[in-house]
Structures are given as C-alpha cells and as structure tokens.
Amino acid sequence: MNKMKWVMSAAVVVSMSVVGCGGAAMETEQFGSVAQNLGPNNEFYGSDTLKEALVAANVQSSAGLTIEGKGSGVGEGCLRNGSGTSCIGRQQTLAPMSRDFKAGTCAGGAASTGACCPGESSNVIALDAVNAFVSSATYSALPSNSITSANLKKAFCGDGSGSAATCVSNWTALGRPTAGTIVKYRRDDLSGTTDTFKSLLGCTTFCADVVVIKDESTTNPSTCAATDSATTCIGKLTAANANAIGYAGDSAKRTGNAALKVDGIAPTAANVRKLIASNTTGVYPLSRKLFLNENVNYAKASQEQALYDWVYSNPQDFEDILVQQGFISCSDVSPLNCGGNLGRGAGVCKGL
C-alpha cells in the first residue's frame, strides 16, 4: 500500500491560561487537562512499521489525524519532550511504536525512572516478526530457506562493531550456491525496528556497506517512490533484486520477496506468539511486540481521543486492520488479547 495522508484541520488548545496575582495571565500545564498541539495539520508521528495500519484506523475512526511515520523514536519524543525536527516539546499523548519505551527525558526535562516517565502506559496491540527479507529466488536458493542469526549479524554488523574485517559481503558466505555481492538495506536509527534488530542480534554499529532507507525520502533508491514509507521501500527493494537483503516488519511482505527462517525457525504466527507464551521454546528469534503507547496523565487532543476511543471500542475492527497489514494477533481467543486491559499496560510501563 502506498503512503496515504488524511488531513482535517481543527483548532487545538495549546495551553490553559489562568489569572495569577495582580491579574497577570500565566500559562500552566495541568495533568489530565491540557489538549495537545499536534501541529498545523494534526501531524501524528510514530512507528513507520505501523504507519499504514494507523492510516486505515484514522480513516475508520474519522479522527482527522495526518499520520506520519518517521520512527518509534520520533513518536516517543513527541510523547515526551520533543523529537528535534518533527516535534518541539511534547505534542502527542499517543504514539504508535514498534518497541517499548526506553529511558530518556520526560516532559519538563526530568529523566525517566528506568524506561518510564510518569503516566506512561505500554499498550500492546499486536505481535510482529522483524524479518530478513530477500527475493523469492534467493529464498528458494538458500538451504532450508534459512539464515542463521550469526550470519545475519555478520552481514549487517560483522562482529557487532561493524568492523570491515568481520563483515561479510558475498552471498556464498551466507550459504547461497551462486555468488553475488550482498546489497543490504536497513531502517534508520530512529526506527524501533532498528532498535529491536540491534538488540536481538547484539549489534552496536552497522557495516559500512549497509544502505539506510528513510521514510518518504527522495534519497532512497529509484525503485521506491518518494511517498513510500521505509518499510514499503524495503519490501520493494528486496522483491526487485536477487542480491538484496533487508530487515523490516511483516508489512514489507509483497509479491517477489520472502521472509527467511532464522536459525531454522519460520516467522509464523504460532512461532511469534511463543514470545508471550509461558513456554518460549521454538519462538522465532526476532519476534517483538507492537504498541500504541500513551501517557495517561495528559488529556488527548480531540483527534487523538477519537482514534483512541475507536480502537478500544472496536478492538476486533482494529485487530482486523493489523492482521490485514501482515501483523500477528496476540491470540485467536479475543481481539487485543495481549495482557492487561485490551493490552493496555501490558508492557514495561503501567500508566503510573
């Protein structure tokens, strides 16, 4: 699906004015009372992986948000203390994220306690596999359609440090019978998918030949449109080039590419769901949770509230969107059955 934007202009409240001593107006921010400044077009930032699912949910809920990707780190920043170029200060109360909260700077400048700022709730909405996508031809050519986690690490970050001496650059080193220079694609450093990939494989620095793919960028290879999300772009690139490999969430799947098994384990729904099972034996090694994180201490902008209300009043409809995008429901028993209250507070932060 190509990127879509749905924009509805609406007035938003930036702050509350109260009268202080001497009748002077003061601006104050009170928990649970201040609507967010989402930007001039109600921009809503967060995970690029979840972007198209949120576009669809935005339409279904008539929320009037302009869904942007840019990465989980951007969404987290907009929820907290600003993210630099995308948000100045805290502009959101919700943030779609493909990883859980990380330690950082909270609204007002204080450091988080562990991973969490006051009021933050880790709301799990689905599961996902960080996939190693290759062309269908390469998928068929690799023994057992599989790559080891050790070889995946060697291709993208060598010994973990990105040392040129330890990075592999030819497909024969990964088990493909036919030689060819590996063309490697990755998400940028604001991506929750990148955070997950690095954490699970033990990478700190990528090999120098790994190409960074960004959301909606004219600098991406010409196979991709400038309006493509980074996930869509990686899907296109791995489908079009037999020597390409790129990591991305399930929504990068398309005709012409395939997700490799890792350590012989396929990224099936059953194997990914083992991530949250009591017995994790046989779990797909690059499984993760997906989130619609929030801070319960602040009032949502009307557009955010409309999205939130629709999601949690229509959990089956929202889960259907997620599954249609290629993500994995937490269970087949009931929608958003991800722990907590429809997944709310099911991650590291409990809304305290």
Protein backbone atom coordinates (compact mmCIF):
# COMPACT_ATOMS: atom_id res chain seq x y z
CA MET A 1 0.00 0.00 0.00
CA ASN A 2 1.41 3.41 -0.90
CA LYS A 3 1.52 6.05 1.77
CA MET A 4 -1.70 7.98 2.24
CA LYS A 5 -2.35 11.12 4.24
CA TRP A 6 -5.74 12.10 5.58
CA VAL A 7 -5.85 15.65 6.86
CA MET A 8 -8.61 17.51 8.64
CA SER A 9 -7.89 20.93 10.09
CA ALA A 10 -9.11 21.62 13.57
CA ALA A 11 -8.38 24.10 16.29
CA VAL A 12 -6.31 22.66 19.11
CA VAL A 13 -5.66 24.02 22.53
CA VAL A 14 -2.00 24.73 23.22
CA SER A 15 -2.21 25.64 26.88
CA MET A 16 -4.50 26.92 29.59
CA SER A 17 -4.37 30.50 30.79
CA VAL A 18 -5.14 31.32 34.38
CA VAL A 19 -5.08 34.62 36.21
CA GLY A 20 -2.36 34.94 38.81
CA CYS A 21 -1.59 37.57 41.39
CA GLY A 22 -2.06 41.11 40.14
CA GLY A 23 -4.29 39.87 37.31
CA ALA A 24 -1.33 38.80 35.13
CA ALA A 25 -2.03 35.89 32.80
CA MET A 26 0.12 32.84 33.35
CA GLU A 27 0.40 29.71 31.26
CA THR A 28 0.32 26.42 33.07
CA GLU A 29 0.14 22.78 32.10
CA GLN A 30 -2.03 20.59 34.28
CA PHE A 31 -2.14 16.81 34.18
CA GLY A 32 -5.30 15.48 32.65
CA SER A 33 -6.45 18.83 31.33
CA VAL A 34 -4.32 20.14 28.51
CA ALA A 35 -5.02 19.15 24.93
CA GLN A 36 -2.02 18.66 22.66
CA ASN A 37 -0.69 20.85 19.89
CA LEU A 38 -0.46 18.30 17.09
CA GLY A 39 0.92 20.77 14.58
CA PRO A 40 -0.77 22.78 11.83
CA ASN A 41 -2.11 19.70 10.00
CA ASN A 42 -2.68 17.49 13.06
CA GLU A 43 0.54 15.59 12.38
CA PHE A 44 0.79 12.34 14.31
CA TYR A 45 4.24 10.74 14.48
CA GLY A 46 5.41 7.26 15.36
CA SER A 47 6.41 3.87 14.04
CA ASP A 48 6.89 3.61 10.30
CA THR A 49 6.14 -0.11 10.60
CA LEU A 50 2.64 0.68 11.91
CA LYS A 51 2.06 3.63 9.62
CA GLU A 52 -0.30 2.08 7.10
CA ALA A 53 -2.34 0.37 9.83
CA LEU A 54 -2.75 3.73 11.58
CA VAL A 55 -3.70 5.37 8.29
CA ALA A 56 -6.54 2.85 7.97
CA ALA A 57 -7.58 3.26 11.63
CA ASN A 58 -7.54 7.03 11.20
CA VAL A 59 -9.97 6.72 8.29
CA GLN A 60 -12.24 4.28 10.13
CA SER A 61 -12.35 6.46 13.24
CA SER A 62 -12.71 9.76 11.31
CA ALA A 63 -10.09 11.09 13.71
CA GLY A 64 -8.68 13.67 11.30
CA LEU A 65 -5.02 13.00 12.03
CA THR A 66 -2.22 13.29 9.49
CA ILE A 67 -0.42 10.01 10.03
CA GLU A 68 3.34 10.30 9.73
CA GLY A 69 5.93 7.61 10.20
CA LYS A 70 9.49 8.76 10.92
CA GLY A 71 10.13 6.09 13.56
CA SER A 72 9.27 4.97 17.07
CA GLY A 73 11.96 7.24 18.47
CA VAL A 74 10.21 10.24 16.91
CA GLY A 75 6.83 9.17 18.30
CA GLU A 76 8.34 8.62 21.73
CA GLY A 77 9.96 12.06 21.57
CA CYS A 78 6.68 13.72 20.61
CA LEU A 79 5.07 12.00 23.60
CA ARG A 80 7.77 13.27 25.92
CA ASN A 81 9.96 16.31 25.47
CA GLY A 82 10.18 16.86 21.72
CA SER A 83 11.98 14.95 19.00
CA GLY A 84 14.01 17.65 17.33
CA THR A 85 12.89 18.36 13.76
CA SER A 86 9.46 16.70 13.98
CA CYS A 87 8.15 17.98 17.32
CA ILE A 88 9.08 20.89 19.52
CA GLY A 89 8.20 19.86 23.04
CA ARG A 90 5.52 17.36 23.99
CA GLN A 91 2.95 17.35 21.17
CA GLN A 92 1.26 13.95 21.49
CA THR A 93 -0.37 11.82 24.17
CA LEU A 94 -0.44 8.69 21.98
CA ALA A 95 2.40 7.19 19.93
CA PRO A 96 2.37 4.06 17.75
CA MET A 97 5.67 2.30 18.45
CA SER A 98 7.32 -0.90 17.26
CA ARG A 99 9.25 -1.18 20.53
CA ASP A 100 8.51 -0.40 24.15
CA PHE A 101 9.53 2.79 25.94
CA LYS A 102 13.22 3.43 26.56
CA ALA A 103 14.95 5.52 29.21
CA GLY A 104 15.06 9.17 28.21
CA THR A 105 13.96 12.70 29.01
CA CYS A 106 10.40 13.22 30.20
CA ALA A 107 8.15 16.23 29.60
CA GLY A 108 9.61 19.14 31.56
CA GLY A 109 13.17 17.85 31.29
CA ALA A 110 13.34 15.28 34.09
CA ALA A 111 14.95 11.92 33.44
CA SER A 112 12.74 8.83 33.25
CA THR A 113 12.65 6.34 36.08
CA GLY A 114 14.00 3.29 34.35
CA ALA A 115 12.26 3.18 30.97
CA CYS A 116 9.14 5.03 32.11
CA CYS A 117 8.10 8.63 32.61
CA PRO A 118 5.18 9.40 34.97
CA GLY A 119 1.84 8.33 33.50
CA GLU A 120 3.25 6.27 30.63
CA SER A 121 1.40 3.11 29.66
CA SER A 122 2.85 0.48 27.33
CA ASN A 123 -0.19 -0.62 25.33
CA VAL A 124 0.47 -3.81 23.37
CA ILE A 125 -1.70 -4.12 20.25
CA ALA A 126 -0.13 -6.97 18.25
CA LEU A 127 2.95 -9.06 17.61
CA ASP A 128 5.39 -8.88 14.74
CA ALA A 129 8.45 -10.54 13.31
CA VAL A 130 11.46 -8.48 12.34
CA ASN A 131 12.04 -10.30 9.08
CA ALA A 132 15.10 -10.80 6.93
CA PHE A 133 13.53 -10.20 3.52
CA VAL A 134 15.15 -11.47 0.32
CA SER A 135 13.92 -12.08 -3.19
CA SER A 136 11.84 -15.18 -3.78
CA ALA A 137 14.69 -16.61 -5.89
CA THR A 138 17.26 -16.22 -3.11
CA TYR A 139 14.77 -17.59 -0.58
CA SER A 140 14.48 -20.77 -2.65
CA ALA A 141 18.24 -21.00 -3.21
CA LEU A 142 19.28 -20.84 0.45
CA PRO A 143 19.45 -24.20 2.26
CA SER A 144 16.14 -24.81 4.08
CA ASN A 145 15.11 -21.21 3.20
CA SER A 146 17.03 -20.18 6.29
CA ILE A 147 19.78 -17.95 7.61
CA THR A 148 21.47 -18.30 10.97
CA SER A 149 21.29 -15.40 13.38
CA ALA A 150 25.10 -15.47 13.42
CA ASN A 151 25.26 -15.00 9.63
CA LEU A 152 22.58 -12.30 9.70
CA LYS A 153 24.71 -10.46 12.24
CA LYS A 154 27.84 -10.90 10.09
CA ALA A 155 26.06 -9.44 7.06
CA PHE A 156 24.78 -6.34 8.85
CA CYS A 157 27.29 -5.63 11.61
CA GLY A 158 30.09 -8.21 11.45
CA ASP A 159 31.25 -8.98 14.98
CA GLY A 160 28.76 -6.39 16.22
CA SER A 161 31.09 -3.42 15.92
CA GLY A 162 30.78 -3.02 12.15
CA SER A 163 34.44 -3.95 11.70
CA ALA A 164 35.15 -4.32 7.97
CA ALA A 165 37.28 -7.40 8.69
CA THR A 166 34.27 -9.22 10.14
CA CYS A 167 31.51 -8.05 7.79
CA VAL A 168 30.57 -10.47 5.01
CA SER A 169 29.78 -9.17 1.54
CA ASN A 170 29.13 -12.16 -0.73
CA TRP A 171 26.10 -14.43 -0.76
CA THR A 172 28.26 -17.56 -0.76
CA ALA A 173 29.25 -16.68 2.83
CA LEU A 174 25.56 -16.94 3.74
CA GLY A 175 25.07 -20.30 2.08
CA ARG A 176 23.71 -19.38 -1.34
CA PRO A 177 25.30 -21.51 -4.07
CA THR A 178 25.57 -18.65 -6.56
CA ALA A 179 27.92 -15.78 -5.79
CA GLY A 180 26.86 -12.15 -5.74
CA THR A 181 27.61 -9.02 -3.77
CA ILE A 182 25.09 -8.65 -0.97
CA VAL A 183 23.04 -5.45 -1.24
CA LYS A 184 21.98 -4.63 2.31
CA TYR A 185 19.16 -2.32 3.41
CA ARG A 186 18.21 -1.16 6.88
CA ARG A 187 15.93 1.27 8.70
CA ASP A 188 17.41 4.44 10.20
CA ASP A 189 18.45 4.95 13.82
CA LEU A 190 15.12 6.48 14.86
CA SER A 191 13.39 3.21 13.99
CA GLY A 192 12.09 0.87 16.65
CA THR A 193 12.71 -1.93 14.16
CA THR A 194 16.39 -0.99 14.11
CA ASP A 195 16.45 -0.91 17.93
CA THR A 196 14.93 -4.40 18.03
CA PHE A 197 17.22 -5.78 15.33
CA LYS A 198 20.37 -4.46 17.02
CA SER A 199 19.30 -5.57 20.48
CA LEU A 200 18.36 -9.12 19.50
CA LEU A 201 21.44 -9.72 17.34
CA GLY A 202 23.97 -7.91 19.54
CA CYS A 203 24.86 -5.15 17.09
CA THR A 204 26.19 -1.74 18.05
CA THR A 205 27.45 -0.46 14.69
CA PHE A 206 26.42 -1.46 11.16
CA CYS A 207 28.81 -2.46 8.37
CA ALA A 208 29.78 0.41 6.09
CA ASP A 209 28.02 -1.12 3.06
CA VAL A 210 24.55 -1.19 4.66
CA VAL A 211 22.25 1.34 2.96
CA VAL A 212 19.90 3.36 5.17
CA ILE A 213 16.30 3.62 3.93
CA LYS A 214 14.26 6.52 5.27
CA ASP A 215 10.57 7.30 5.39
CA GLU A 216 9.30 9.34 2.41
CA SER A 217 12.75 10.23 1.14
CA THR A 218 13.88 11.25 -2.34
CA THR A 219 17.32 9.84 -1.47
CA ASN A 220 16.01 6.27 -1.41
CA PRO A 221 16.83 4.08 -4.44
CA SER A 222 14.72 4.80 -7.53
CA THR A 223 12.79 1.54 -7.12
CA CYS A 224 10.93 3.35 -4.35
CA ALA A 225 8.57 6.32 -4.68
CA ALA A 226 9.32 9.43 -2.65
CA THR A 227 5.98 8.88 -0.89
CA ASP A 228 6.83 5.33 0.22
CA SER A 229 7.29 4.51 3.85
CA ALA A 230 10.67 3.00 4.66
CA THR A 231 9.00 -0.37 5.26
CA THR A 232 7.28 -0.30 1.86
CA CYS A 233 10.55 0.74 0.21
CA ILE A 234 12.50 -2.16 1.74
CA GLY A 235 9.75 -4.50 0.57
CA LYS A 236 10.08 -3.23 -2.99
CA LEU A 237 13.88 -3.34 -2.97
CA THR A 238 14.11 -6.92 -1.74
CA ALA A 239 11.49 -8.06 -4.24
CA ALA A 240 13.30 -6.43 -7.16
CA ASN A 241 16.92 -7.51 -6.57
CA ALA A 242 18.08 -11.11 -6.15
CA ASN A 243 21.16 -9.91 -4.27
CA ALA A 244 19.26 -7.73 -1.80
CA ILE A 245 18.51 -8.38 1.86
CA GLY A 246 16.76 -6.01 4.22
CA TYR A 247 15.16 -6.21 7.63
CA ALA A 248 11.66 -4.92 8.22
CA GLY A 249 8.37 -5.76 9.87
CA ASP A 250 5.78 -8.13 8.40
CA SER A 251 4.11 -5.36 6.41
CA ALA A 252 7.08 -5.28 3.98
CA LYS A 253 5.91 -8.59 2.50
CA ARG A 254 4.86 -8.44 -1.14
CA THR A 255 4.95 -10.44 -4.34
CA GLY A 256 8.57 -11.17 -5.22
CA ASN A 257 10.10 -11.28 -1.74
CA ALA A 258 10.01 -13.69 1.18
CA ALA A 259 10.98 -13.72 4.84
CA LEU A 260 13.76 -16.15 5.67
CA LYS A 261 13.63 -18.57 8.54
CA VAL A 262 16.15 -17.57 11.22
CA ASP A 263 18.02 -20.43 12.90
CA GLY A 264 15.60 -22.73 11.11
CA ILE A 265 12.51 -21.16 12.71
CA ALA A 266 9.92 -19.59 10.42
CA PRO A 267 8.24 -16.29 11.36
CA THR A 268 4.80 -17.91 11.55
CA ALA A 269 2.01 -16.69 13.81
CA ALA A 270 2.42 -19.72 16.05
CA ASN A 271 6.17 -19.22 16.42
CA VAL A 272 5.88 -15.49 17.05
CA ARG A 273 3.10 -15.96 19.64
CA LYS A 274 5.52 -18.06 21.69
CA LEU A 275 7.08 -14.71 22.65
CA ILE A 276 4.22 -14.18 25.12
CA ALA A 277 3.61 -17.84 25.98
CA SER A 278 4.62 -19.45 29.26
CA ASN A 279 6.95 -21.73 27.29
CA THR A 280 9.01 -19.78 24.75
CA THR A 281 10.77 -22.82 23.29
CA GLY A 282 10.82 -22.52 19.50
CA VAL A 283 9.99 -18.82 19.43
CA TYR A 284 11.04 -17.04 16.23
CA PRO A 285 14.30 -15.32 17.30
CA LEU A 286 13.35 -11.84 16.05
CA SER A 287 9.83 -11.67 17.47
CA ARG A 288 8.57 -8.46 19.10
CA LYS A 289 5.51 -6.67 20.47
CA LEU A 290 3.87 -3.67 18.82
CA PHE A 291 2.42 -0.78 20.79
CA LEU A 292 0.01 2.14 20.81
CA ASN A 293 1.68 3.80 23.78
CA GLU A 294 0.20 6.67 25.77
CA ASN A 295 0.64 8.97 28.74
CA VAL A 296 -2.48 8.84 30.89
CA ASN A 297 -1.53 12.00 32.81
CA TYR A 298 -2.41 14.28 29.90
CA ALA A 299 -5.67 14.95 28.06
CA LYS A 300 -5.67 13.80 24.47
CA ALA A 301 -6.32 16.19 21.63
CA SER A 302 -9.78 15.60 20.18
CA GLN A 303 -8.27 13.87 17.15
CA GLU A 304 -6.21 11.53 19.33
CA GLN A 305 -9.23 10.87 21.54
CA ALA A 306 -11.32 9.91 18.52
CA LEU A 307 -8.68 7.43 17.39
CA TYR A 308 -8.23 6.01 20.90
CA ASP A 309 -11.95 5.64 21.51
CA TRP A 310 -12.44 3.87 18.20
CA VAL A 311 -9.56 1.45 18.78
CA TYR A 312 -10.70 0.36 22.22
CA SER A 313 -14.43 0.41 21.43
CA ASN A 314 -13.89 -1.60 18.25
CA PRO A 315 -10.97 -3.89 19.11
CA GLN A 316 -11.93 -6.54 16.57
CA ASP A 317 -12.07 -4.00 13.73
CA PHE A 318 -8.68 -2.59 14.75
CA GLU A 319 -7.16 -6.04 15.05
CA ASP A 320 -8.54 -6.92 11.60
CA ILE A 321 -6.66 -3.91 10.18
CA LEU A 322 -3.45 -5.02 11.88
CA VAL A 323 -3.78 -8.58 10.60
CA GLN A 324 -4.55 -7.34 7.09
CA GLN A 325 -1.28 -5.41 7.23
CA GLY A 326 0.55 -8.65 8.00
CA PHE A 327 0.88 -8.33 11.77
CA ILE A 328 0.05 -11.14 14.19
CA SER A 329 -2.78 -11.01 16.71
CA CYS A 330 -1.76 -11.87 20.25
CA SER A 331 -4.30 -14.70 20.33
CA ASP A 332 -7.20 -16.25 18.46
CA VAL A 333 -9.42 -16.14 21.54
CA SER A 334 -10.42 -12.46 21.57
CA PRO A 335 -9.20 -9.19 19.99
CA LEU A 336 -6.28 -7.31 21.52
CA ASN A 337 -5.84 -10.20 23.95
CA CYS A 338 -2.29 -9.06 24.69
CA GLY A 339 -2.45 -8.88 28.50
CA GLY A 340 -3.62 -6.05 30.72
CA ASN A 341 -6.88 -4.35 29.72
CA LEU A 342 -7.05 -4.99 25.95
CA GLY A 343 -3.27 -4.84 26.03
CA ARG A 344 -3.12 -1.56 27.94
CA GLY A 345 -0.29 -1.58 30.44
CA ALA A 346 0.92 -4.97 29.15
CA GLY A 347 4.46 -3.74 28.56
CA VAL A 348 7.10 -2.24 30.79
CA CYS A 349 5.13 0.92 31.76
CA LYS A 350 1.83 0.62 33.63
CA GLY A 351 0.45 4.18 33.49
CA LEU A 352 1.62 5.10 36.99
